[in-house]
PDB file of N, CA and C in Angstrom:
ATOM      1  N   ALA A   1       0.838  -1.177   0.000  1.00  0.00           N
ATOM      2  CA  ALA A   1       0.000   0.000   0.000  1.00  0.00           C
ATOM      3  C   ALA A   1       0.882   1.239   0.000  1.00  0.00           C
ATOM      4  N   PHE A   2       0.371   2.324  -0.553  1.00  0.00           N
ATOM      5  CA  PHE A   2       1.085   3.593  -0.518  1.00  0.00           C
ATOM      6  C   PHE A   2       0.760   4.281   0.800  1.00  0.00           C
ATOM      7  N   VAL A   3       1.798   4.666   1.538  1.00  0.00           N
ATOM      8  CA  VAL A   3       1.647   5.231   2.876  1.00  0.00           C
ATOM      9  C   VAL A   3       2.222   6.641   2.922  1.00  0.00           C
ATOM     10  N   SER A   4       1.473   7.539   3.547  1.00  0.00           N
ATOM     11  CA  SER A   4       1.939   8.900   3.769  1.00  0.00           C
ATOM     12  C   SER A   4       1.729   9.236   5.242  1.00  0.00           C
ATOM     13  N   LEU A   5       2.782   9.683   5.896  1.00  0.00           N
ATOM     14  CA  LEU A   5       2.718  10.087   7.300  1.00  0.00           C
ATOM     15  C   LEU A   5       3.228  11.516   7.377  1.00  0.00           C
ATOM     16  N   GLN A   6       2.350  12.422   7.801  1.00  0.00           N
ATOM     17  CA  GLN A   6       2.697  13.839   7.815  1.00  0.00           C
ATOM     18  C   GLN A   6       2.432  14.466   9.177  1.00  0.00           C
ATOM     19  N   ILE A   7       3.237  15.469   9.499  1.00  0.00           N
ATOM     20  CA  ILE A   7       3.010  16.293  10.673  1.00  0.00           C
ATOM     21  C   ILE A   7       2.356  17.579  10.174  1.00  0.00           C
ATOM     22  N   VAL A   8       1.258  17.958  10.820  1.00  0.00           N
ATOM     23  CA  VAL A   8       0.488  19.122  10.404  1.00  0.00           C
ATOM     24  C   VAL A   8       0.307  20.047  11.601  1.00  0.00           C
ATOM     25  N   GLY A   9       0.394  21.350  11.369  1.00  0.00           N
ATOM     26  CA  GLY A   9       0.219  22.342  12.429  1.00  0.00           C
ATOM     27  C   GLY A   9      -1.234  22.488  12.829  1.00  0.00           C
ATOM     28  N   MET A  10      -1.456  23.196  13.914  1.00  0.00           N
ATOM     29  CA  MET A  10      -2.791  23.377  14.483  1.00  0.00           C
ATOM     30  C   MET A  10      -3.766  24.016  13.491  1.00  0.00           C
ATOM     31  N   ARG A  11      -3.279  24.895  12.646  1.00  0.00           N
ATOM     32  CA  ARG A  11      -4.130  25.569  11.661  1.00  0.00           C
ATOM     33  C   ARG A  11      -4.169  24.848  10.326  1.00  0.00           C
ATOM     34  N   GLY A  12      -3.651  23.625  10.289  1.00  0.00           N
ATOM     35  CA  GLY A  12      -3.706  22.820   9.074  1.00  0.00           C
ATOM     36  C   GLY A  12      -2.521  22.984   8.146  1.00  0.00           C
ATOM     37  N   SER A  13      -1.519  23.753   8.554  1.00  0.00           N
ATOM     38  CA  SER A  13      -0.348  23.955   7.705  1.00  0.00           C
ATOM     39  C   SER A  13       0.569  22.729   7.744  1.00  0.00           C
ATOM     40  N   HIS A  14       1.106  22.381   6.591  1.00  0.00           N
ATOM     41  CA  HIS A  14       2.021  21.250   6.481  1.00  0.00           C
ATOM     42  C   HIS A  14       3.331  21.586   7.181  1.00  0.00           C
ATOM     43  N   VAL A  15       3.793  20.704   8.057  1.00  0.00           N
ATOM     44  CA  VAL A  15       5.049  20.909   8.766  1.00  0.00           C
ATOM     45  C   VAL A  15       6.131  20.015   8.184  1.00  0.00           C
ATOM     46  N   LYS A  16       5.868  18.705   8.112  1.00  0.00           N
ATOM     47  CA  LYS A  16       6.880  17.787   7.589  1.00  0.00           C
ATOM     48  C   LYS A  16       6.248  16.476   7.155  1.00  0.00           C
ATOM     49  N   THR A  17       6.781  15.910   6.085  1.00  0.00           N
ATOM     50  CA  THR A  17       6.398  14.577   5.646  1.00  0.00           C
ATOM     51  C   THR A  17       7.442  13.601   6.167  1.00  0.00           C
ATOM     52  N   ILE A  18       7.003  12.636   6.951  1.00  0.00           N
ATOM     53  CA  ILE A  18       7.910  11.653   7.548  1.00  0.00           C
ATOM     54  C   ILE A  18       8.062  10.449   6.620  1.00  0.00           C
ATOM     55  N   VAL A  19       6.951   9.961   6.077  1.00  0.00           N
ATOM     56  CA  VAL A  19       6.947   8.810   5.164  1.00  0.00           C
ATOM     57  C   VAL A  19       6.068   9.164   3.975  1.00  0.00           C
ATOM     58  N   HIS A  20       6.531   8.798   2.776  1.00  0.00           N
ATOM     59  CA  HIS A  20       5.753   9.025   1.555  1.00  0.00           C
ATOM     60  C   HIS A  20       6.223   8.006   0.524  1.00  0.00           C
ATOM     61  N   LYS A  21       5.794   6.738   0.715  1.00  0.00           N
ATOM     62  CA  LYS A  21       6.261   5.680  -0.181  1.00  0.00           C
ATOM     63  C   LYS A  21       5.379   4.439  -0.058  1.00  0.00           C
ATOM     64  N   LYS A  22       5.591   3.510  -0.949  1.00  0.00           N
ATOM     65  CA  LYS A  22       4.885   2.241  -0.925  1.00  0.00           C
ATOM     66  C   LYS A  22       5.567   1.332   0.100  1.00  0.00           C
ATOM     67  N   GLN A  23       4.756   0.682   0.946  1.00  0.00           N
ATOM     68  CA  GLN A  23       5.305  -0.195   1.969  1.00  0.00           C
ATOM     69  C   GLN A  23       4.517  -1.489   2.033  1.00  0.00           C
ATOM     70  N   LEU A  24       5.216  -2.549   2.427  1.00  0.00           N
ATOM     71  CA  LEU A  24       4.574  -3.846   2.605  1.00  0.00           C
ATOM     72  C   LEU A  24       3.799  -3.870   3.913  1.00  0.00           C
ATOM     73  N   LEU A  25       2.860  -4.782   4.025  1.00  0.00           N
ATOM     74  CA  LEU A  25       2.079  -4.958   5.237  1.00  0.00           C
ATOM     75  C   LEU A  25       3.004  -5.290   6.402  1.00  0.00           C
ATOM     76  N   GLY A  26       2.781  -4.693   7.532  1.00  0.00           N
ATOM     77  CA  GLY A  26       3.608  -4.973   8.702  1.00  0.00           C
ATOM     78  C   GLY A  26       3.585  -3.819   9.683  1.00  0.00           C
ATOM     79  N   HIS A  27       4.378  -3.939  10.720  1.00  0.00           N
ATOM     80  CA  HIS A  27       4.493  -2.906  11.755  1.00  0.00           C
ATOM     81  C   HIS A  27       5.752  -2.097  11.486  1.00  0.00           C
ATOM     82  N   TYR A  28       5.629  -0.784  11.579  1.00  0.00           N
ATOM     83  CA  TYR A  28       6.746   0.110  11.337  1.00  0.00           C
ATOM     84  C   TYR A  28       6.850   1.104  12.480  1.00  0.00           C
ATOM     85  N   GLU A  29       8.054   1.600  12.688  1.00  0.00           N
ATOM     86  CA  GLU A  29       8.289   2.609  13.714  1.00  0.00           C
ATOM     87  C   GLU A  29       9.118   3.717  13.092  1.00  0.00           C
ATOM     88  N   VAL A  30       8.710   4.959  13.330  1.00  0.00           N
ATOM     89  CA  VAL A  30       9.450   6.105  12.812  1.00  0.00           C
ATOM     90  C   VAL A  30       9.688   7.087  13.945  1.00  0.00           C
ATOM     91  N   GLN A  31      10.668   7.945  13.764  1.00  0.00           N
ATOM     92  CA  GLN A  31      10.940   8.991  14.738  1.00  0.00           C
ATOM     93  C   GLN A  31      10.960  10.324  14.020  1.00  0.00           C
ATOM     94  N   TRP A  32      10.423  11.335  14.668  1.00  0.00           N
ATOM     95  CA  TRP A  32      10.425  12.698  14.135  1.00  0.00           C
ATOM     96  C   TRP A  32      11.374  13.513  14.994  1.00  0.00           C
ATOM     97  N   ASN A  33      12.302  14.198  14.357  1.00  0.00           N
ATOM     98  CA  ASN A  33      13.300  14.959  15.110  1.00  0.00           C
ATOM     99  C   ASN A  33      12.857  16.390  15.422  1.00  0.00           C
ATOM    100  N   SER A  34      11.575  16.650  15.390  1.00  0.00           N
ATOM    101  CA  SER A  34      10.939  17.929  15.735  1.00  0.00           C
ATOM    102  C   SER A  34      11.361  19.084  14.830  1.00  0.00           C
ATOM    103  N   THR A  35      11.671  18.777  13.568  1.00  0.00           N
ATOM    104  CA  THR A  35      12.013  19.823  12.613  1.00  0.00           C
ATOM    105  C   THR A  35      10.977  19.872  11.504  1.00  0.00           C
ATOM    106  N   ASP A  36      10.922  21.034  10.836  1.00  0.00           N
ATOM    107  CA  ASP A  36      10.040  21.163   9.684  1.00  0.00           C
ATOM    108  C   ASP A  36      10.799  20.750   8.428  1.00  0.00           C
ATOM    109  N   GLU A  37      10.206  20.952   7.255  1.00  0.00           N
ATOM    110  CA  GLU A  37      10.844  20.552   5.992  1.00  0.00           C
ATOM    111  C   GLU A  37      12.155  21.289   5.738  1.00  0.00           C
ATOM    112  N   SER A  38      12.316  22.487   6.313  1.00  0.00           N
ATOM    113  CA  SER A  38      13.533  23.285   6.121  1.00  0.00           C
ATOM    114  C   SER A  38      14.626  22.958   7.132  1.00  0.00           C
ATOM    115  N   GLY A  39      14.321  22.098   8.092  1.00  0.00           N
ATOM    116  CA  GLY A  39      15.301  21.730   9.110  1.00  0.00           C
ATOM    117  C   GLY A  39      15.248  22.583  10.359  1.00  0.00           C
ATOM    118  N   ASN A  40      14.291  23.500  10.435  1.00  0.00           N
ATOM    119  CA  ASN A  40      14.134  24.344  11.619  1.00  0.00           C
ATOM    120  C   ASN A  40      13.334  23.607  12.691  1.00  0.00           C
ATOM    121  N   VAL A  41      13.753  23.733  13.941  1.00  0.00           N
ATOM    122  CA  VAL A  41      13.028  23.113  15.051  1.00  0.00           C
ATOM    123  C   VAL A  41      11.692  23.837  15.210  1.00  0.00           C
ATOM    124  N   VAL A  42      10.617  23.078  15.325  1.00  0.00           N
ATOM    125  CA  VAL A  42       9.287  23.668  15.435  1.00  0.00           C
ATOM    126  C   VAL A  42       9.054  24.202  16.842  1.00  0.00           C
ATOM    127  N   ALA A  43       8.077  25.081  16.952  1.00  0.00           N
ATOM    128  CA  ALA A  43       7.742  25.697  18.230  1.00  0.00           C
ATOM    129  C   ALA A  43       6.935  24.738  19.096  1.00  0.00           C
ATOM    130  N   THR A  44       6.971  24.961  20.393  1.00  0.00           N
ATOM    131  CA  THR A  44       6.114  24.221  21.309  1.00  0.00           C
ATOM    132  C   THR A  44       4.666  24.479  20.926  1.00  0.00           C
ATOM    133  N   GLY A  45       3.858  23.425  20.930  1.00  0.00           N
ATOM    134  CA  GLY A  45       2.456  23.613  20.597  1.00  0.00           C
ATOM    135  C   GLY A  45       1.770  22.320  20.235  1.00  0.00           C
ATOM    136  N   THR A  46       0.550  22.443  19.751  1.00  0.00           N
ATOM    137  CA  THR A  46      -0.266  21.304  19.369  1.00  0.00           C
ATOM    138  C   THR A  46      -0.083  21.020  17.885  1.00  0.00           C
ATOM    139  N   TYR A  47       0.113  19.752  17.546  1.00  0.00           N
ATOM    140  CA  TYR A  47       0.297  19.315  16.168  1.00  0.00           C
ATOM    141  C   TYR A  47      -0.570  18.085  15.924  1.00  0.00           C
ATOM    142  N   PHE A  48      -0.699  17.734  14.666  1.00  0.00           N
ATOM    143  CA  PHE A  48      -1.443  16.538  14.281  1.00  0.00           C
ATOM    144  C   PHE A  48      -0.529  15.636  13.469  1.00  0.00           C
ATOM    145  N   CYS A  49      -0.685  14.355  13.676  1.00  0.00           N
ATOM    146  CA  CYS A  49       0.009  13.343  12.892  1.00  0.00           C
ATOM    147  C   CYS A  49      -1.053  12.700  12.001  1.00  0.00           C
ATOM    148  N   ARG A  50      -0.902  12.817  10.667  1.00  0.00           N
ATOM    149  CA  ARG A  50      -1.904  12.307   9.734  1.00  0.00           C
ATOM    150  C   ARG A  50      -1.314  11.135   8.938  1.00  0.00           C
ATOM    151  N   LEU A  51      -1.915   9.962   9.098  1.00  0.00           N
ATOM    152  CA  LEU A  51      -1.511   8.753   8.391  1.00  0.00           C
ATOM    153  C   LEU A  51      -2.533   8.466   7.298  1.00  0.00           C
ATOM    154  N   THR A  52      -2.078   8.404   6.054  1.00  0.00           N
ATOM    155  CA  THR A  52      -2.955   8.116   4.925  1.00  0.00           C
ATOM    156  C   THR A  52      -2.458   6.854   4.237  1.00  0.00           C
ATOM    157  N   ILE A  53      -3.375   5.935   3.973  1.00  0.00           N
ATOM    158  CA  ILE A  53      -3.032   4.680   3.299  1.00  0.00           C
ATOM    159  C   ILE A  53      -3.861   4.585   2.027  1.00  0.00           C
ATOM    160  N   ASN A  54      -3.170   4.527   0.886  1.00  0.00           N
ATOM    161  CA  ASN A  54      -3.802   4.430  -0.434  1.00  0.00           C
ATOM    162  C   ASN A  54      -4.843   5.512  -0.682  1.00  0.00           C
ATOM    163  N   GLN A  55      -4.725   6.639  -0.080  1.00  0.00           N
ATOM    164  CA  GLN A  55      -5.647   7.772  -0.202  1.00  0.00           C
ATOM    165  C   GLN A  55      -7.082   7.413   0.170  1.00  0.00           C
ATOM    166  N   ASP A  56      -7.292   6.245   0.764  1.00  0.00           N
ATOM    167  CA  ASP A  56      -8.623   5.803   1.169  1.00  0.00           C
ATOM    168  C   ASP A  56      -8.822   5.894   2.673  1.00  0.00           C
ATOM    169  N   ALA A  57      -7.855   5.408   3.413  1.00  0.00           N
ATOM    170  CA  ALA A  57      -7.952   5.364   4.873  1.00  0.00           C
ATOM    171  C   ALA A  57      -7.082   6.464   5.465  1.00  0.00           C
ATOM    172  N   VAL A  58      -7.671   7.265   6.343  1.00  0.00           N
ATOM    173  CA  VAL A  58      -6.941   8.359   6.984  1.00  0.00           C
ATOM    174  C   VAL A  58      -7.163   8.275   8.495  1.00  0.00           C
ATOM    175  N   ASP A  59      -6.071   8.390   9.245  1.00  0.00           N
ATOM    176  CA  ASP A  59      -6.148   8.428  10.701  1.00  0.00           C
ATOM    177  C   ASP A  59      -5.371   9.650  11.164  1.00  0.00           C
ATOM    178  N   VAL A  60      -5.979  10.443  12.024  1.00  0.00           N
ATOM    179  CA  VAL A  60      -5.346  11.667  12.519  1.00  0.00           C
ATOM    180  C   VAL A  60      -5.290  11.606  14.038  1.00  0.00           C
ATOM    181  N   ARG A  61      -4.107  11.907  14.583  1.00  0.00           N
ATOM    182  CA  ARG A  61      -3.925  11.936  16.034  1.00  0.00           C
ATOM    183  C   ARG A  61      -3.349  13.285  16.439  1.00  0.00           C
ATOM    184  N   LYS A  62      -3.883  13.845  17.502  1.00  0.00           N
ATOM    185  CA  LYS A  62      -3.393  15.131  18.011  1.00  0.00           C
ATOM    186  C   LYS A  62      -2.352  14.862  19.080  1.00  0.00           C
ATOM    187  N   PHE A  63      -1.289  15.684  19.090  1.00  0.00           N
ATOM    188  CA  PHE A  63      -0.279  15.550  20.136  1.00  0.00           C
ATOM    189  C   PHE A  63       0.271  16.918  20.501  1.00  0.00           C
ATOM    190  N   LEU A  64       0.856  17.000  21.668  1.00  0.00           N
ATOM    191  CA  LEU A  64       1.460  18.232  22.162  1.00  0.00           C
ATOM    192  C   LEU A  64       2.964  18.085  22.132  1.00  0.00           C
ATOM    193  N   PHE A  65       3.630  19.007  21.445  1.00  0.00           N
ATOM    194  CA  PHE A  65       5.099  19.007  21.401  1.00  0.00           C
ATOM    195  C   PHE A  65       5.595  20.029  22.413  1.00  0.00           C
ATOM    196  N   VAL A  66       6.443  19.590  23.331  1.00  0.00           N
ATOM    197  CA  VAL A  66       6.996  20.462  24.373  1.00  0.00           C
ATOM    198  C   VAL A  66       8.506  20.350  24.325  1.00  0.00           C
ATOM    199  N   LYS A  67       9.171  21.493  24.281  1.00  0.00           N
ATOM    200  CA  LYS A  67      10.657  21.502  24.257  1.00  0.00           C
ATOM    201  C   LYS A  67      11.199  21.266  25.626  1.00  0.00           C
TER     202      LYS A  67
END
């Protein structure tokens, strides 16, 4: 399946794409180094993690990033 894992800001702005590729069925673990696409460390605040699989299934989780 094609998998996309993105970090999104509170107002819906794109922060960073962590995964954007085809992957086999299984369990995966990723780490986010708290930077945006430009390599800048993001501010403390509320963010969303959006997981999309084959553009059909979407799961969104809210989290708080604290420095």
